[in-house]
């Protein structure tokens, strides 16, 4: 990854926040994969939240997973299928509702879940240290930015400025 690019050095660089955020996500994602492997976690990195949810709940339906993770059903289904193929998750008839399939972690999946809990705790501590180092509570700032843009989208902000 290039540390600086054209957008970063352009006089209108402030218009390219999304590019910087995408690069940050990519950097964290790449390091996240390494963090998982270092801890002996064989989960695909894009299934971490799903595994955490099912591990925390014990069992869940695909619809519950998609709703909890705010994902489209098909995306969650694809991720579930990859975990089933890896032998980390299983699909069974739900004992409380025969029309529904319950998803749960296998014995190997539960072992991976235990490793994941420990590693996520370590990652959280490392991220807290990062926020202290940079002097900003990045999650809080991002939440504030999303809230502000939900209240008043960029187009409205531009139109408001143009009206002055």
N, C-alpha and C. Protein backbone atom coordinates (compact mmCIF):
# COMPACT_ATOMS: atom_id res chain seq x y z
N UNK A 1 0.84 -1.18 0.00
CA UNK A 1 0.00 0.00 0.00
C UNK A 1 0.89 1.24 0.00
N UNK A 2 0.54 2.19 -0.83
CA UNK A 2 1.27 3.45 -0.92
C UNK A 2 0.86 4.34 0.25
N UNK A 3 1.84 4.89 0.94
CA UNK A 3 1.55 5.73 2.10
C UNK A 3 0.80 6.99 1.69
N UNK A 4 1.23 7.61 0.63
CA UNK A 4 0.58 8.84 0.13
C UNK A 4 0.27 8.62 -1.34
N UNK A 5 -0.83 9.19 -1.79
CA UNK A 5 -1.14 9.11 -3.20
C UNK A 5 -1.61 10.48 -3.70
N UNK A 6 -1.98 10.55 -4.92
CA UNK A 6 -2.39 11.80 -5.56
C UNK A 6 -3.46 12.53 -4.75
N UNK A 7 -4.45 11.77 -4.28
CA UNK A 7 -5.55 12.38 -3.52
C UNK A 7 -5.06 13.04 -2.23
N UNK A 8 -4.06 12.40 -1.59
CA UNK A 8 -3.54 12.90 -0.32
C UNK A 8 -2.81 14.22 -0.46
N UNK A 9 -2.25 14.47 -1.63
CA UNK A 9 -1.42 15.66 -1.83
C UNK A 9 -2.11 16.74 -2.65
N UNK A 10 -3.31 16.45 -3.12
CA UNK A 10 -4.04 17.43 -3.92
C UNK A 10 -4.59 18.53 -3.01
N UNK A 11 -4.66 19.77 -3.50
CA UNK A 11 -5.21 20.86 -2.68
C UNK A 11 -6.65 20.59 -2.21
N UNK A 12 -7.39 19.73 -2.91
CA UNK A 12 -8.76 19.40 -2.52
C UNK A 12 -8.84 18.06 -1.79
N UNK A 13 -7.76 17.70 -1.09
CA UNK A 13 -7.67 16.40 -0.43
C UNK A 13 -8.80 16.14 0.56
N UNK A 14 -9.38 17.17 1.13
CA UNK A 14 -10.47 17.00 2.09
C UNK A 14 -11.70 16.36 1.49
N UNK A 15 -11.83 16.40 0.17
CA UNK A 15 -12.97 15.78 -0.50
C UNK A 15 -12.81 14.27 -0.64
N UNK A 16 -11.63 13.76 -0.28
CA UNK A 16 -11.34 12.34 -0.49
C UNK A 16 -11.25 11.55 0.82
N UNK A 17 -12.03 11.93 1.81
CA UNK A 17 -12.02 11.23 3.08
C UNK A 17 -12.35 9.75 2.90
N UNK A 18 -13.31 9.45 2.04
CA UNK A 18 -13.70 8.04 1.87
C UNK A 18 -12.52 7.20 1.39
N UNK A 19 -11.66 7.75 0.56
CA UNK A 19 -10.49 7.01 0.09
C UNK A 19 -9.56 6.67 1.26
N UNK A 20 -9.34 7.64 2.13
CA UNK A 20 -8.48 7.39 3.31
C UNK A 20 -9.11 6.33 4.21
N UNK A 21 -10.41 6.42 4.41
CA UNK A 21 -11.08 5.44 5.27
C UNK A 21 -11.01 4.04 4.67
N UNK A 22 -11.17 3.93 3.36
CA UNK A 22 -11.07 2.62 2.70
C UNK A 22 -9.66 2.06 2.88
N UNK A 23 -8.66 2.91 2.73
CA UNK A 23 -7.29 2.46 2.90
C UNK A 23 -7.03 2.03 4.34
N UNK A 24 -7.60 2.72 5.31
CA UNK A 24 -7.47 2.33 6.71
C UNK A 24 -8.14 0.98 6.93
N UNK A 25 -9.33 0.80 6.39
CA UNK A 25 -10.03 -0.48 6.51
C UNK A 25 -9.20 -1.60 5.89
N UNK A 26 -8.64 -1.36 4.71
CA UNK A 26 -7.81 -2.37 4.05
C UNK A 26 -6.57 -2.71 4.89
N UNK A 27 -5.95 -1.69 5.48
CA UNK A 27 -4.76 -1.90 6.30
C UNK A 27 -5.10 -2.71 7.55
N UNK A 28 -6.18 -2.34 8.22
CA UNK A 28 -6.60 -3.08 9.41
C UNK A 28 -6.99 -4.50 9.03
N UNK A 29 -7.70 -4.65 7.90
CA UNK A 29 -8.09 -5.98 7.44
C UNK A 29 -6.90 -6.87 7.15
N UNK A 30 -5.90 -6.33 6.48
CA UNK A 30 -4.69 -7.11 6.17
C UNK A 30 -3.98 -7.51 7.47
N UNK A 31 -3.87 -6.58 8.41
CA UNK A 31 -3.23 -6.91 9.68
C UNK A 31 -4.10 -7.86 10.49
N UNK A 32 -5.42 -7.74 10.35
CA UNK A 32 -6.34 -8.61 11.07
C UNK A 32 -6.18 -10.06 10.69
N UNK A 33 -5.99 -10.32 9.40
CA UNK A 33 -5.77 -11.69 8.94
C UNK A 33 -4.52 -12.27 9.58
N UNK A 34 -3.47 -11.47 9.64
CA UNK A 34 -2.23 -11.90 10.29
C UNK A 34 -2.45 -12.16 11.79
N UNK A 35 -3.23 -11.31 12.43
CA UNK A 35 -3.53 -11.48 13.86
C UNK A 35 -4.26 -12.79 14.12
N UNK A 36 -5.20 -13.12 13.24
CA UNK A 36 -5.93 -14.37 13.40
C UNK A 36 -5.00 -15.57 13.26
N UNK A 37 -4.22 -15.57 12.21
CA UNK A 37 -3.31 -16.70 11.95
C UNK A 37 -2.31 -16.87 13.09
N UNK A 38 -1.80 -15.76 13.61
CA UNK A 38 -0.83 -15.80 14.71
C UNK A 38 -1.42 -16.46 15.95
N UNK A 39 -2.73 -16.34 16.14
CA UNK A 39 -3.39 -16.92 17.31
C UNK A 39 -3.91 -18.33 17.03
N UNK A 40 -3.61 -18.88 15.83
CA UNK A 40 -4.09 -20.22 15.50
C UNK A 40 -5.54 -20.26 15.09
N UNK A 41 -6.06 -19.12 14.67
CA UNK A 41 -7.46 -19.03 14.26
C UNK A 41 -7.53 -19.21 12.75
N UNK A 42 -8.29 -20.21 12.35
CA UNK A 42 -8.38 -20.56 10.93
C UNK A 42 -9.63 -19.99 10.25
N UNK A 43 -10.36 -19.16 10.94
CA UNK A 43 -11.56 -18.55 10.36
C UNK A 43 -11.18 -17.57 9.25
N UNK A 44 -11.96 -17.51 8.18
CA UNK A 44 -11.76 -16.41 7.24
C UNK A 44 -12.08 -15.10 7.99
N UNK A 45 -11.30 -14.07 7.77
CA UNK A 45 -11.48 -12.84 8.54
C UNK A 45 -12.87 -12.23 8.35
N UNK A 46 -13.50 -12.49 7.20
CA UNK A 46 -14.83 -11.91 6.98
C UNK A 46 -15.94 -12.68 7.70
N UNK A 47 -15.57 -13.72 8.47
CA UNK A 47 -16.56 -14.47 9.23
C UNK A 47 -16.40 -14.28 10.74
N UNK A 48 -15.54 -13.38 11.14
CA UNK A 48 -15.27 -13.19 12.57
C UNK A 48 -16.53 -12.75 13.33
N UNK A 49 -17.21 -11.73 12.84
CA UNK A 49 -18.41 -11.24 13.55
C UNK A 49 -19.51 -12.30 13.57
N UNK A 50 -19.66 -13.01 12.48
CA UNK A 50 -20.66 -14.07 12.42
C UNK A 50 -20.34 -15.17 13.44
N UNK A 51 -19.09 -15.59 13.49
CA UNK A 51 -18.67 -16.62 14.45
C UNK A 51 -18.87 -16.13 15.88
N UNK A 52 -18.52 -14.89 16.12
CA UNK A 52 -18.70 -14.31 17.45
C UNK A 52 -20.19 -14.31 17.85
N UNK A 53 -21.05 -13.91 16.91
CA UNK A 53 -22.49 -13.86 17.20
C UNK A 53 -23.03 -15.25 17.53
N UNK A 54 -22.73 -16.21 16.67
CA UNK A 54 -23.25 -17.57 16.90
C UNK A 54 -22.63 -18.17 18.16
N UNK A 55 -21.35 -17.92 18.38
CA UNK A 55 -20.70 -18.42 19.59
C UNK A 55 -21.32 -17.83 20.85
N UNK A 56 -21.61 -16.54 20.81
CA UNK A 56 -22.24 -15.88 21.96
C UNK A 56 -23.66 -16.39 22.20
N UNK A 57 -24.41 -16.62 21.13
CA UNK A 57 -25.82 -17.03 21.24
C UNK A 57 -25.99 -18.53 21.45
N UNK A 58 -25.04 -19.32 21.02
CA UNK A 58 -25.17 -20.77 21.09
C UNK A 58 -25.73 -21.34 19.81
N UNK A 59 -26.80 -20.76 19.33
CA UNK A 59 -27.36 -21.11 18.02
C UNK A 59 -28.19 -19.94 17.53
N UNK A 60 -28.32 -19.86 16.22
CA UNK A 60 -29.08 -18.76 15.61
C UNK A 60 -29.52 -19.18 14.21
N UNK A 61 -30.57 -18.54 13.75
CA UNK A 61 -31.01 -18.77 12.37
C UNK A 61 -30.24 -17.82 11.45
N UNK A 62 -30.26 -18.13 10.18
CA UNK A 62 -29.62 -17.28 9.20
C UNK A 62 -30.24 -15.88 9.21
N UNK A 63 -31.55 -15.81 9.34
CA UNK A 63 -32.23 -14.51 9.37
C UNK A 63 -31.78 -13.69 10.58
N UNK A 64 -31.63 -14.34 11.73
CA UNK A 64 -31.17 -13.63 12.94
C UNK A 64 -29.75 -13.10 12.74
N UNK A 65 -28.90 -13.92 12.13
CA UNK A 65 -27.52 -13.51 11.90
C UNK A 65 -27.47 -12.29 10.98
N UNK A 66 -28.18 -12.38 9.85
CA UNK A 66 -28.17 -11.28 8.88
C UNK A 66 -28.68 -9.99 9.53
N UNK A 67 -29.73 -10.10 10.31
CA UNK A 67 -30.29 -8.92 10.97
C UNK A 67 -29.30 -8.35 12.00
N UNK A 68 -28.72 -9.21 12.81
CA UNK A 68 -27.79 -8.76 13.86
C UNK A 68 -26.56 -8.09 13.26
N UNK A 69 -26.08 -8.61 12.12
CA UNK A 69 -24.87 -8.07 11.50
C UNK A 69 -25.17 -6.98 10.48
N UNK A 70 -26.46 -6.71 10.28
CA UNK A 70 -26.90 -5.69 9.32
C UNK A 70 -26.34 -5.99 7.93
N UNK A 71 -26.51 -7.25 7.52
CA UNK A 71 -26.04 -7.71 6.22
C UNK A 71 -27.23 -8.23 5.42
N UNK A 72 -27.08 -8.25 4.11
CA UNK A 72 -28.10 -8.89 3.30
C UNK A 72 -28.03 -10.39 3.55
N UNK A 73 -29.17 -11.04 3.46
CA UNK A 73 -29.31 -12.47 3.75
C UNK A 73 -28.30 -13.29 2.95
N UNK A 74 -28.13 -12.99 1.67
CA UNK A 74 -27.24 -13.77 0.81
C UNK A 74 -25.78 -13.69 1.27
N UNK A 75 -25.35 -12.51 1.72
CA UNK A 75 -23.97 -12.38 2.20
C UNK A 75 -23.75 -13.26 3.44
N UNK A 76 -24.68 -13.19 4.37
CA UNK A 76 -24.57 -14.05 5.57
C UNK A 76 -24.61 -15.52 5.18
N UNK A 77 -25.46 -15.87 4.23
CA UNK A 77 -25.57 -17.26 3.79
C UNK A 77 -24.25 -17.76 3.20
N UNK A 78 -23.61 -16.92 2.41
CA UNK A 78 -22.32 -17.28 1.82
C UNK A 78 -21.28 -17.52 2.90
N UNK A 79 -21.26 -16.65 3.89
CA UNK A 79 -20.30 -16.79 4.98
C UNK A 79 -20.58 -18.03 5.83
N UNK A 80 -21.86 -18.28 6.10
CA UNK A 80 -22.24 -19.49 6.84
C UNK A 80 -21.79 -20.72 6.07
N UNK A 81 -22.05 -20.75 4.77
CA UNK A 81 -21.66 -21.90 3.95
C UNK A 81 -20.16 -22.15 4.02
N UNK A 82 -19.37 -21.07 4.02
CA UNK A 82 -17.91 -21.26 4.10
C UNK A 82 -17.52 -21.86 5.44
N UNK A 83 -18.18 -21.46 6.51
CA UNK A 83 -17.88 -22.04 7.83
C UNK A 83 -18.33 -23.49 7.92
N UNK A 84 -19.44 -23.82 7.28
CA UNK A 84 -19.92 -25.21 7.25
C UNK A 84 -18.91 -26.07 6.48
N UNK A 85 -18.44 -25.58 5.34
CA UNK A 85 -17.47 -26.32 4.54
C UNK A 85 -16.16 -26.54 5.29
N UNK A 86 -15.79 -25.59 6.15
CA UNK A 86 -14.57 -25.73 6.94
C UNK A 86 -14.77 -26.61 8.18
N UNK A 87 -16.02 -27.05 8.41
CA UNK A 87 -16.31 -27.90 9.56
C UNK A 87 -16.40 -27.14 10.87
N UNK A 88 -16.61 -25.82 10.78
CA UNK A 88 -16.65 -24.98 11.98
C UNK A 88 -18.08 -24.69 12.44
N UNK A 89 -19.04 -24.91 11.55
CA UNK A 89 -20.44 -24.61 11.86
C UNK A 89 -21.29 -25.74 11.28
N UNK A 90 -22.44 -25.95 11.92
CA UNK A 90 -23.37 -26.96 11.42
C UNK A 90 -24.78 -26.39 11.39
N UNK A 91 -25.59 -26.96 10.50
CA UNK A 91 -26.99 -26.55 10.33
C UNK A 91 -27.86 -27.74 10.70
N UNK A 92 -28.79 -27.49 11.61
CA UNK A 92 -29.71 -28.56 12.06
C UNK A 92 -31.12 -28.00 12.15
N UNK A 93 -32.09 -28.91 12.24
CA UNK A 93 -33.46 -28.47 12.49
C UNK A 93 -33.49 -27.79 13.84
N UNK A 94 -34.20 -26.68 13.92
CA UNK A 94 -34.33 -25.94 15.18
C UNK A 94 -35.30 -26.70 16.08
N UNK A 95 -34.88 -27.07 17.28
CA UNK A 95 -35.77 -27.82 18.17
C UNK A 95 -37.01 -27.02 18.60
N UNK A 96 -36.96 -25.71 18.52
CA UNK A 96 -38.10 -24.89 18.94
C UNK A 96 -39.03 -24.53 17.78
N UNK A 97 -38.57 -24.74 16.53
CA UNK A 97 -39.38 -24.39 15.36
C UNK A 97 -38.91 -25.23 14.18
N UNK A 98 -39.65 -26.27 13.84
CA UNK A 98 -39.25 -27.22 12.79
C UNK A 98 -39.11 -26.58 11.41
N UNK A 99 -39.72 -25.42 11.18
CA UNK A 99 -39.62 -24.76 9.88
C UNK A 99 -38.27 -24.07 9.71
N UNK A 100 -37.58 -23.88 10.79
CA UNK A 100 -36.35 -23.11 10.81
C UNK A 100 -35.13 -24.00 10.98
N UNK A 101 -34.02 -23.56 10.41
CA UNK A 101 -32.75 -24.26 10.60
C UNK A 101 -31.92 -23.47 11.60
N UNK A 102 -31.37 -24.17 12.55
CA UNK A 102 -30.52 -23.53 13.56
C UNK A 102 -29.06 -23.77 13.19
N UNK A 103 -28.28 -22.72 13.31
CA UNK A 103 -26.85 -22.79 13.05
C UNK A 103 -26.12 -22.75 14.38
N UNK A 104 -25.13 -23.60 14.52
CA UNK A 104 -24.33 -23.61 15.75
C UNK A 104 -22.90 -24.00 15.39
N UNK A 105 -22.01 -23.70 16.30
CA UNK A 105 -20.60 -24.04 16.08
C UNK A 105 -20.38 -25.52 16.38
N UNK A 106 -19.52 -26.13 15.61
CA UNK A 106 -19.12 -27.51 15.87
C UNK A 106 -18.11 -27.49 17.03
N UNK A 107 -17.64 -28.65 17.41
CA UNK A 107 -16.62 -28.74 18.46
C UNK A 107 -15.38 -27.94 18.05
N UNK A 108 -14.96 -28.10 16.80
CA UNK A 108 -13.80 -27.35 16.30
C UNK A 108 -14.14 -25.86 16.24
N UNK A 109 -15.35 -25.54 15.83
CA UNK A 109 -15.78 -24.14 15.77
C UNK A 109 -15.77 -23.50 17.15
N UNK A 110 -16.18 -24.25 18.16
CA UNK A 110 -16.17 -23.73 19.54
C UNK A 110 -14.75 -23.47 20.01
N UNK A 111 -13.83 -24.34 19.63
CA UNK A 111 -12.42 -24.13 19.99
C UNK A 111 -11.89 -22.86 19.31
N UNK A 112 -12.26 -22.67 18.05
CA UNK A 112 -11.86 -21.46 17.33
C UNK A 112 -12.50 -20.22 17.97
N UNK A 113 -13.74 -20.35 18.38
CA UNK A 113 -14.45 -19.25 19.06
C UNK A 113 -13.71 -18.85 20.35
N UNK A 114 -13.25 -19.83 21.11
CA UNK A 114 -12.50 -19.53 22.34
C UNK A 114 -11.22 -18.77 22.04
N UNK A 115 -10.50 -19.22 21.02
CA UNK A 115 -9.29 -18.50 20.60
C UNK A 115 -9.64 -17.09 20.12
N UNK A 116 -10.74 -16.99 19.41
CA UNK A 116 -11.18 -15.70 18.88
C UNK A 116 -11.50 -14.71 20.00
N UNK A 117 -12.18 -15.16 21.03
CA UNK A 117 -12.50 -14.28 22.16
C UNK A 117 -11.23 -13.69 22.77
N UNK A 118 -10.24 -14.54 22.97
CA UNK A 118 -8.98 -14.08 23.56
C UNK A 118 -8.30 -13.08 22.63
N UNK A 119 -8.24 -13.39 21.34
CA UNK A 119 -7.55 -12.51 20.41
C UNK A 119 -8.31 -11.19 20.24
N UNK A 120 -9.64 -11.22 20.20
CA UNK A 120 -10.40 -9.98 20.07
C UNK A 120 -10.19 -9.07 21.28
N UNK A 121 -10.05 -9.69 22.46
CA UNK A 121 -9.76 -8.91 23.66
C UNK A 121 -8.40 -8.23 23.53
N UNK A 122 -7.44 -8.95 22.99
CA UNK A 122 -6.10 -8.38 22.77
C UNK A 122 -6.14 -7.27 21.72
N UNK A 123 -6.91 -7.49 20.67
CA UNK A 123 -7.04 -6.47 19.62
C UNK A 123 -7.70 -5.22 20.17
N UNK A 124 -8.74 -5.41 20.97
CA UNK A 124 -9.42 -4.25 21.57
C UNK A 124 -8.44 -3.43 22.40
N UNK A 125 -7.62 -4.10 23.20
CA UNK A 125 -6.63 -3.40 24.02
C UNK A 125 -5.61 -2.67 23.14
N UNK A 126 -5.18 -3.32 22.06
CA UNK A 126 -4.22 -2.69 21.15
C UNK A 126 -4.83 -1.46 20.47
N UNK A 127 -6.10 -1.57 20.10
CA UNK A 127 -6.77 -0.43 19.47
C UNK A 127 -6.95 0.72 20.46
N UNK A 128 -7.26 0.40 21.72
CA UNK A 128 -7.37 1.43 22.75
C UNK A 128 -6.03 2.15 22.90
N UNK A 129 -4.95 1.41 22.86
CA UNK A 129 -3.62 2.00 22.89
C UNK A 129 -3.36 2.88 21.67
N UNK A 130 -3.80 2.43 20.51
CA UNK A 130 -3.65 3.22 19.29
C UNK A 130 -4.40 4.55 19.42
N UNK A 131 -5.63 4.51 19.94
CA UNK A 131 -6.41 5.75 20.10
C UNK A 131 -5.72 6.70 21.06
N UNK A 132 -5.13 6.17 22.12
CA UNK A 132 -4.38 7.01 23.06
C UNK A 132 -3.17 7.61 22.37
N UNK A 133 -2.49 6.80 21.55
CA UNK A 133 -1.30 7.28 20.84
C UNK A 133 -1.62 8.42 19.88
N UNK A 134 -2.72 8.30 19.17
CA UNK A 134 -3.07 9.34 18.19
C UNK A 134 -3.87 10.48 18.82
N UNK A 135 -4.29 10.28 20.06
CA UNK A 135 -5.00 11.33 20.78
C UNK A 135 -6.45 11.52 20.36
N UNK A 136 -7.04 10.48 19.76
CA UNK A 136 -8.44 10.57 19.33
C UNK A 136 -9.15 9.25 19.58
N UNK A 137 -10.39 9.35 20.04
CA UNK A 137 -11.24 8.17 20.18
C UNK A 137 -11.89 7.96 18.82
N UNK A 138 -11.20 7.24 17.95
CA UNK A 138 -11.62 7.10 16.57
C UNK A 138 -13.04 6.54 16.42
N UNK A 139 -13.44 5.49 17.15
CA UNK A 139 -14.81 5.01 17.01
C UNK A 139 -15.85 6.09 17.35
N UNK A 140 -15.60 6.86 18.38
CA UNK A 140 -16.53 7.93 18.76
C UNK A 140 -16.59 9.00 17.68
N UNK A 141 -15.45 9.34 17.11
CA UNK A 141 -15.40 10.34 16.05
C UNK A 141 -16.17 9.85 14.82
N UNK A 142 -15.96 8.60 14.46
CA UNK A 142 -16.66 8.05 13.30
C UNK A 142 -18.17 8.00 13.53
N UNK A 143 -18.59 7.62 14.73
CA UNK A 143 -20.02 7.61 15.07
C UNK A 143 -20.59 9.02 14.96
N UNK A 144 -19.86 10.01 15.49
CA UNK A 144 -20.32 11.40 15.41
C UNK A 144 -20.44 11.87 13.97
N UNK A 145 -19.46 11.51 13.15
CA UNK A 145 -19.49 11.90 11.74
C UNK A 145 -20.68 11.26 11.03
N UNK A 146 -20.94 9.97 11.28
CA UNK A 146 -22.07 9.29 10.66
C UNK A 146 -23.40 9.90 11.11
N UNK A 147 -23.49 10.20 12.40
CA UNK A 147 -24.71 10.83 12.91
C UNK A 147 -24.94 12.19 12.26
N UNK A 148 -23.87 12.99 12.17
CA UNK A 148 -23.99 14.33 11.58
C UNK A 148 -24.39 14.25 10.11
N UNK A 149 -23.79 13.30 9.38
CA UNK A 149 -24.15 13.16 7.96
C UNK A 149 -25.54 12.57 7.77
N UNK A 150 -26.02 11.82 8.73
CA UNK A 150 -27.40 11.32 8.67
C UNK A 150 -28.38 12.46 8.89
N UNK A 151 -28.03 13.35 9.82
CA UNK A 151 -28.89 14.51 10.08
C UNK A 151 -28.89 15.49 8.91
N UNK A 152 -27.70 15.71 8.34
CA UNK A 152 -27.58 16.65 7.23
C UNK A 152 -26.57 16.10 6.22
N UNK A 153 -27.08 15.51 5.13
CA UNK A 153 -26.18 14.93 4.11
C UNK A 153 -25.29 15.98 3.46
N UNK A 154 -24.24 15.51 2.80
CA UNK A 154 -23.28 16.40 2.15
C UNK A 154 -23.94 17.34 1.15
N UNK A 155 -24.88 16.85 0.35
CA UNK A 155 -25.53 17.70 -0.64
C UNK A 155 -26.24 18.87 0.05
N UNK A 156 -26.92 18.58 1.13
CA UNK A 156 -27.59 19.65 1.88
C UNK A 156 -26.58 20.66 2.41
N UNK A 157 -25.46 20.16 2.89
CA UNK A 157 -24.41 21.04 3.41
C UNK A 157 -23.86 21.94 2.30
N UNK A 158 -23.71 21.39 1.10
CA UNK A 158 -23.22 22.18 -0.04
C UNK A 158 -24.26 23.22 -0.44
N UNK A 159 -25.50 22.78 -0.52
CA UNK A 159 -26.58 23.71 -0.90
C UNK A 159 -26.74 24.82 0.11
N UNK A 160 -26.58 24.49 1.38
CA UNK A 160 -26.68 25.48 2.44
C UNK A 160 -25.56 26.51 2.32
N UNK A 161 -24.35 26.04 2.01
CA UNK A 161 -23.20 26.92 1.83
C UNK A 161 -23.38 27.80 0.60
N UNK A 162 -23.90 27.22 -0.49
CA UNK A 162 -24.13 27.96 -1.72
C UNK A 162 -25.18 29.06 -1.54
N UNK A 163 -26.14 28.83 -0.66
CA UNK A 163 -27.22 29.80 -0.43
C UNK A 163 -26.73 31.04 0.31
N UNK A 164 -25.60 30.93 0.98
CA UNK A 164 -25.08 32.07 1.77
C UNK A 164 -24.45 33.10 0.91
